[in-house]
Amino acid sequence: HFGVLSGPRSGEWKSPLEEKSVQWPEGVTAIDGKACQFRLKQLENHLQGMDFSMPATTKKGDANGEDTIEPSIAGISFVLKNADGSEWFKPKSGGNASARFTSTGRFKGEWAQIADKIVEQEVTWDCMSLKRRYENCLEFVDEWEKQSEGMTMRKMRSWNTLVHVDSSKAVWSRMPSMPVFEVPDDDDIKASKEGFWSWIFVWQRFSFQRLLTWERNTCTQPRMLAGTTNQITLRMAELWKAHPRCRMWIRWTLATMGRGGSAGQQIRDEILVIMHAHDIKEIHGTYYEQWHQKLHNNTTPE
């Protein structure tokens, strides 16, 4: 079940049969004005798929750029189902799968794959939330650490080697083993690290400024959001210890996130106690209901 993407960064469908330049295989049938269906054919190596062809044009690059080949369609978006239609298969994002053929508007630097993933999930995913954004960020930084230095290059194992806590006086003191010096890197390695973290920081900064949606077709429980926030802030602190060269970027990124903790559900329950004590009903769209939702879901500092 598929449709043609209307633009390089768009998730909107249009009917494949309107694209006269594309040679679709026999058996493609229109379902409505935007979607078609096709029974997958047996390919080589026990694979099933759809084989089609399209024309493309070559666009000249600038003085320092390479020529690019642009196909006639930006890409296709699709979902799969079994033969009788009783079960549908989608990506873990809950939205449609997509295959984009054009490179127009795409970042072409070293971390283009990360940039594409960020743009894809923020623009095309049907379901998105602040919790899921944090979870995706955790995946990206774990992948980056494995690629850049590897897990064996971690400088310290736990916070116990960094600070000493006097619980009786609630005093934190820095241990002398704290690595206050920077590990020398080659210029290329430094630029690579800064390139990655600049994407992560800008992404989270946009979220902090409400330029990215916090809840789209989802309903995140406060305790789950608080737990994920706690997880990502601890991970950022851990990375700050392990990668001295990236500390500025990590600190900036950390400043866009909440403290986390385990009181997310408790905050919600206590707000409800206050509302019920004053006979304030939980009616959607009212000021008090909006205030209630804002407080127990908003763990990002303002």
Protein backbone atom coordinates (compact mmCIF):
# COMPACT_ATOMS: atom_id res chain seq x y z
CA HIS A 1 0.00 0.00 0.00
CA PHE A 2 1.98 3.03 -1.21
CA GLY A 3 1.97 6.55 -2.55
CA VAL A 4 4.45 8.93 -4.16
CA LEU A 5 5.91 11.62 -1.90
CA SER A 6 4.95 15.08 -3.09
CA GLY A 7 8.28 16.70 -2.21
CA PRO A 8 11.84 16.05 -0.96
CA ARG A 9 10.91 16.68 2.69
CA SER A 10 7.18 16.15 2.53
CA GLY A 11 5.26 13.24 3.98
CA GLU A 12 2.16 13.91 1.90
CA TRP A 13 1.09 11.27 -0.61
CA LYS A 14 -0.09 11.62 -4.18
CA SER A 15 -1.27 8.93 -6.56
CA PRO A 16 1.56 6.95 -8.22
CA LEU A 17 -0.53 6.57 -11.39
CA GLU A 18 -0.34 10.35 -11.90
CA GLU A 19 3.40 10.00 -12.50
CA LYS A 20 3.31 9.12 -16.19
CA SER A 21 7.10 9.12 -16.53
CA VAL A 22 7.49 6.24 -14.07
CA GLN A 23 7.20 2.70 -15.40
CA TRP A 24 5.23 0.89 -12.70
CA PRO A 25 4.95 -2.91 -12.86
CA GLU A 26 1.76 -4.56 -13.97
CA GLY A 27 -0.70 -5.07 -11.17
CA VAL A 28 -0.54 -1.61 -9.57
CA THR A 29 -4.13 -0.65 -8.77
CA ALA A 30 -5.53 2.61 -7.44
CA ILE A 31 -7.24 2.46 -4.02
CA ASP A 32 -8.17 6.13 -3.72
CA GLY A 33 -6.95 9.49 -4.96
CA LYS A 34 -3.57 9.21 -3.24
CA ALA A 35 -2.69 5.53 -2.78
CA CYS A 36 -2.19 2.37 -4.80
CA GLN A 37 -1.60 -1.25 -3.93
CA PHE A 38 0.63 -3.90 -5.43
CA ARG A 39 1.21 -7.57 -4.62
CA LEU A 40 4.94 -8.04 -3.99
CA LYS A 41 6.77 -10.24 -6.48
CA GLN A 42 9.44 -12.83 -5.79
CA LEU A 43 12.94 -11.43 -6.39
CA GLU A 44 16.32 -13.06 -6.09
CA ASN A 45 17.79 -14.38 -2.82
CA HIS A 46 14.37 -15.16 -1.35
CA LEU A 47 13.37 -11.48 -1.34
CA GLN A 48 10.06 -10.00 -2.32
CA GLY A 49 9.60 -6.50 -3.66
CA MET A 50 8.43 -4.16 -6.39
CA ASP A 51 10.58 -3.38 -9.42
CA PHE A 52 10.00 -0.08 -11.25
CA SER A 53 12.03 2.47 -13.19
CA MET A 54 11.97 6.24 -13.64
CA PRO A 55 13.88 8.89 -15.60
CA ALA A 56 16.38 11.21 -13.93
CA THR A 57 18.21 14.43 -14.77
CA THR A 58 21.74 15.54 -13.93
CA LYS A 59 22.08 18.87 -12.17
CA LYS A 60 25.38 20.71 -12.33
CA GLY A 61 26.95 21.51 -9.00
CA ASP A 62 28.67 24.74 -8.01
CA ALA A 63 32.39 25.39 -8.39
CA ASN A 64 33.29 23.10 -5.48
CA GLY A 65 30.34 20.74 -5.63
CA GLU A 66 29.65 17.54 -7.51
CA ASP A 67 26.93 16.98 -10.05
CA THR A 68 23.80 15.41 -8.61
CA ILE A 69 21.33 13.03 -10.21
CA GLU A 70 17.71 13.91 -9.49
CA PRO A 71 15.00 11.30 -10.20
CA SER A 72 11.58 12.32 -11.45
CA ILE A 73 9.89 11.53 -8.12
CA ALA A 74 11.12 12.43 -4.64
CA GLY A 75 10.37 8.99 -3.21
CA ILE A 76 7.62 6.65 -2.10
CA SER A 77 5.93 6.09 1.25
CA PHE A 78 4.37 2.73 2.08
CA VAL A 79 3.12 0.18 4.58
CA LEU A 80 2.88 -3.60 4.19
CA LYS A 81 0.02 -5.98 4.90
CA ASN A 82 -0.63 -9.67 4.52
CA ALA A 83 -2.58 -11.06 1.60
CA ASP A 84 -6.01 -11.03 3.25
CA GLY A 85 -5.51 -7.57 4.77
CA SER A 86 -6.02 -8.75 8.35
CA GLU A 87 -2.62 -7.52 9.57
CA TRP A 88 -0.63 -4.37 8.72
CA PHE A 89 3.10 -3.89 9.28
CA LYS A 90 4.64 -0.50 10.09
CA PRO A 91 7.98 0.80 11.40
CA LYS A 92 8.47 1.22 15.14
CA SER A 93 7.66 4.93 14.78
CA GLY A 94 4.07 3.95 14.10
CA GLY A 95 4.01 5.88 10.84
CA ASN A 96 4.68 4.96 7.24
CA ALA A 97 7.93 3.59 5.90
CA SER A 98 9.56 5.71 3.21
CA ALA A 99 12.25 5.49 0.56
CA ARG A 100 13.51 8.90 -0.58
CA PHE A 101 15.35 9.08 -3.88
CA THR A 102 16.20 12.78 -4.10
CA SER A 103 19.07 14.54 -2.35
CA THR A 104 17.56 18.02 -2.73
CA GLY A 105 17.68 19.95 0.52
CA ARG A 106 19.65 17.25 2.32
CA PHE A 107 22.74 17.89 4.41
CA LYS A 108 25.77 16.34 2.72
CA GLY A 109 28.35 16.52 5.50
CA GLU A 110 29.91 13.79 7.62
CA TRP A 111 26.85 13.33 9.84
CA ALA A 112 24.29 13.40 7.03
CA GLN A 113 22.76 10.14 8.24
CA ILE A 114 22.03 11.60 11.68
CA ALA A 115 20.65 14.79 10.13
CA ASP A 116 18.36 12.78 7.84
CA LYS A 117 17.04 10.72 10.76
CA ILE A 118 16.31 13.83 12.82
CA VAL A 119 14.47 15.55 9.98
CA GLU A 120 12.57 12.39 9.06
CA GLN A 121 11.20 11.73 12.53
CA GLU A 122 10.30 15.35 13.20
CA VAL A 123 8.63 15.94 9.84
CA THR A 124 7.18 12.64 8.66
CA TRP A 125 6.46 10.50 11.74
CA ASP A 126 2.75 10.37 12.58
CA CYS A 127 3.45 9.89 16.30
CA MET A 128 6.03 12.00 18.12
CA SER A 129 6.61 13.06 21.71
CA LEU A 130 9.25 14.64 23.92
CA LYS A 131 9.88 11.24 25.48
CA ARG A 132 10.49 9.63 22.09
CA ARG A 133 12.77 12.51 21.08
CA TYR A 134 14.91 11.88 24.16
CA GLU A 135 15.00 8.16 23.43
CA ASN A 136 16.13 8.80 19.86
CA CYS A 137 18.77 11.21 21.12
CA LEU A 138 20.10 8.48 23.42
CA GLU A 139 20.40 6.13 20.44
CA PHE A 140 22.28 8.75 18.42
CA VAL A 141 24.83 9.57 21.13
CA ASP A 142 25.43 5.86 21.83
CA GLU A 143 26.05 5.30 18.13
CA TRP A 144 28.37 8.32 18.00
CA GLU A 145 30.42 7.15 20.97
CA LYS A 146 30.91 3.72 19.46
CA GLN A 147 32.02 5.21 16.14
CA SER A 148 34.25 7.96 17.49
CA GLU A 149 36.12 6.40 20.38
CA GLY A 150 34.43 3.20 21.42
CA MET A 151 33.19 2.09 24.79
CA THR A 152 36.70 1.15 25.95
CA MET A 153 37.82 4.77 25.76
CA ARG A 154 35.55 5.91 28.60
CA LYS A 155 37.58 7.87 31.16
CA MET A 156 35.61 6.95 34.30
CA ARG A 157 33.19 4.28 35.34
CA SER A 158 30.92 6.08 37.79
CA TRP A 159 30.25 9.33 39.63
CA ASN A 160 31.93 7.86 42.70
CA THR A 161 35.29 8.61 41.10
CA LEU A 162 34.28 12.19 40.35
CA VAL A 163 32.55 13.53 43.50
CA HIS A 164 32.31 12.73 47.16
CA VAL A 165 28.90 13.08 48.80
CA ASP A 166 28.56 13.81 52.51
CA SER A 167 24.91 12.79 53.05
CA SER A 168 24.85 14.06 56.62
CA LYS A 169 25.65 17.61 55.50
CA ALA A 170 24.33 17.41 51.92
CA VAL A 171 27.76 18.54 50.69
CA TRP A 172 29.28 17.61 47.34
CA SER A 173 33.03 17.95 46.85
CA ARG A 174 35.14 17.31 43.79
CA MET A 175 37.56 14.42 43.92
CA PRO A 176 41.17 15.08 42.85
CA SER A 177 40.90 12.43 40.13
CA MET A 178 38.56 14.61 38.04
CA PRO A 179 40.05 14.96 34.50
CA VAL A 180 40.21 18.75 34.18
CA PHE A 181 42.62 18.62 31.24
CA GLU A 182 41.67 18.10 27.63
CA VAL A 183 42.81 15.10 25.67
CA PRO A 184 44.57 16.33 22.54
CA ASP A 185 42.79 15.45 19.31
CA ASP A 186 43.67 15.95 15.70
CA ASP A 187 41.87 18.84 14.03
CA ASP A 188 39.84 16.45 11.90
CA ILE A 189 38.68 14.48 14.93
CA LYS A 190 37.77 17.68 16.75
CA ALA A 191 35.77 18.96 13.78
CA SER A 192 33.96 15.63 13.52
CA LYS A 193 32.94 15.69 17.16
CA GLU A 194 31.79 19.29 17.00
CA GLY A 195 29.85 18.54 13.81
CA PHE A 196 27.88 15.79 15.52
CA TRP A 197 27.19 17.68 18.74
CA SER A 198 26.15 20.82 16.89
CA TRP A 199 23.32 18.80 15.31
CA ILE A 200 22.29 17.35 18.68
CA PHE A 201 22.37 20.75 20.39
CA VAL A 202 20.37 22.58 17.71
CA TRP A 203 17.82 19.74 17.65
CA GLN A 204 17.28 19.86 21.41
CA ARG A 205 17.35 23.66 21.42
CA PHE A 206 14.50 23.72 18.90
CA SER A 207 12.58 21.35 21.17
CA PHE A 208 13.29 23.56 24.19
CA GLN A 209 11.93 26.60 22.35
CA ARG A 210 8.71 24.75 21.37
CA LEU A 211 9.61 24.88 17.68
CA LEU A 212 9.14 21.10 17.65
CA THR A 213 5.98 19.42 18.85
CA TRP A 214 6.05 17.68 22.23
CA GLU A 215 2.97 15.50 21.75
CA ARG A 216 1.68 14.40 18.34
CA ASN A 217 -0.90 11.60 18.32
CA THR A 218 0.52 10.22 21.59
CA CYS A 219 -0.29 10.36 25.29
CA THR A 220 2.84 10.13 27.42
CA GLN A 221 2.47 9.22 31.07
CA PRO A 222 4.24 11.70 33.40
CA ARG A 223 6.19 8.97 35.21
CA MET A 224 7.55 7.69 31.88
CA LEU A 225 8.58 11.16 30.71
CA ALA A 226 10.26 11.87 34.06
CA GLY A 227 12.12 8.56 33.90
CA THR A 228 13.35 9.12 30.35
CA THR A 229 14.41 12.67 31.21
CA ASN A 230 16.35 11.33 34.17
CA GLN A 231 18.00 8.74 31.92
CA ILE A 232 19.14 11.20 29.27
CA THR A 233 20.47 13.79 31.72
CA LEU A 234 22.55 11.17 33.51
CA ARG A 235 23.83 9.96 30.14
CA MET A 236 24.80 13.49 29.14
CA ALA A 237 26.65 13.95 32.42
CA GLU A 238 28.45 10.67 31.80
CA LEU A 239 29.47 11.80 28.30
CA TRP A 240 30.65 15.13 29.71
CA LYS A 241 33.10 13.22 31.91
CA ALA A 242 34.26 10.88 29.18
CA HIS A 243 34.80 13.38 26.34
CA PRO A 244 36.60 16.55 27.49
CA ARG A 245 36.79 17.98 23.97
CA CYS A 246 32.99 18.00 23.65
CA ARG A 247 32.17 19.41 27.08
CA MET A 248 30.99 22.79 25.86
CA TRP A 249 28.50 21.26 23.40
CA ILE A 250 27.30 18.65 25.89
CA ARG A 251 26.77 21.29 28.57
CA TRP A 252 24.79 23.44 26.16
CA THR A 253 22.67 20.42 25.19
CA LEU A 254 22.11 19.48 28.82
CA ALA A 255 20.84 23.00 29.53
CA THR A 256 17.86 22.36 27.20
CA MET A 257 16.68 19.36 29.23
CA GLY A 258 14.88 18.93 32.53
CA ARG A 259 16.32 17.36 35.63
CA GLY A 260 14.23 14.22 35.41
CA GLY A 261 13.60 12.23 38.56
CA SER A 262 10.94 9.88 39.83
CA ALA A 263 8.27 12.40 40.88
CA GLY A 264 6.50 12.82 37.54
CA GLN A 265 3.41 10.84 38.54
CA GLN A 266 3.42 12.32 42.03
CA ILE A 267 3.29 15.85 40.61
CA ARG A 268 0.25 14.92 38.54
CA ASP A 269 -1.56 13.29 41.45
CA GLU A 270 -0.96 16.22 43.79
CA ILE A 271 -2.21 18.69 41.20
CA LEU A 272 -5.40 16.65 40.91
CA VAL A 273 -5.79 16.71 44.70
CA ILE A 274 -5.67 20.53 44.62
CA MET A 275 -8.19 20.68 41.79
CA HIS A 276 -10.60 18.25 43.45
CA ALA A 277 -10.31 20.05 46.82
CA HIS A 278 -11.66 23.19 45.16
CA ASP A 279 -14.30 21.40 43.06
CA ILE A 280 -12.44 22.11 39.81
CA LYS A 281 -13.51 19.63 37.15
CA GLU A 282 -11.12 18.05 34.66
CA ILE A 283 -12.75 19.49 31.54
CA HIS A 284 -10.69 19.56 28.37
CA GLY A 285 -9.92 23.04 27.04
CA THR A 286 -10.37 24.94 30.30
CA TYR A 287 -7.61 27.01 31.88
CA TYR A 288 -7.18 24.72 34.87
CA GLU A 289 -7.00 21.60 32.74
CA GLN A 290 -4.36 23.20 30.51
CA TRP A 291 -2.43 24.31 33.59
CA HIS A 292 -2.66 20.80 34.97
CA GLN A 293 -1.37 19.22 31.75
CA LYS A 294 1.42 21.78 31.43
CA LEU A 295 2.77 21.23 34.93
CA HIS A 296 2.90 17.46 34.99
CA ASN A 297 4.16 17.09 31.41
CA ASN A 298 6.56 20.02 31.29
CA THR A 299 9.87 18.84 32.71
CA THR A 300 11.93 21.13 30.50
CA PRO A 301 13.17 24.29 32.30
CA GLU A 302 11.77 27.65 31.21
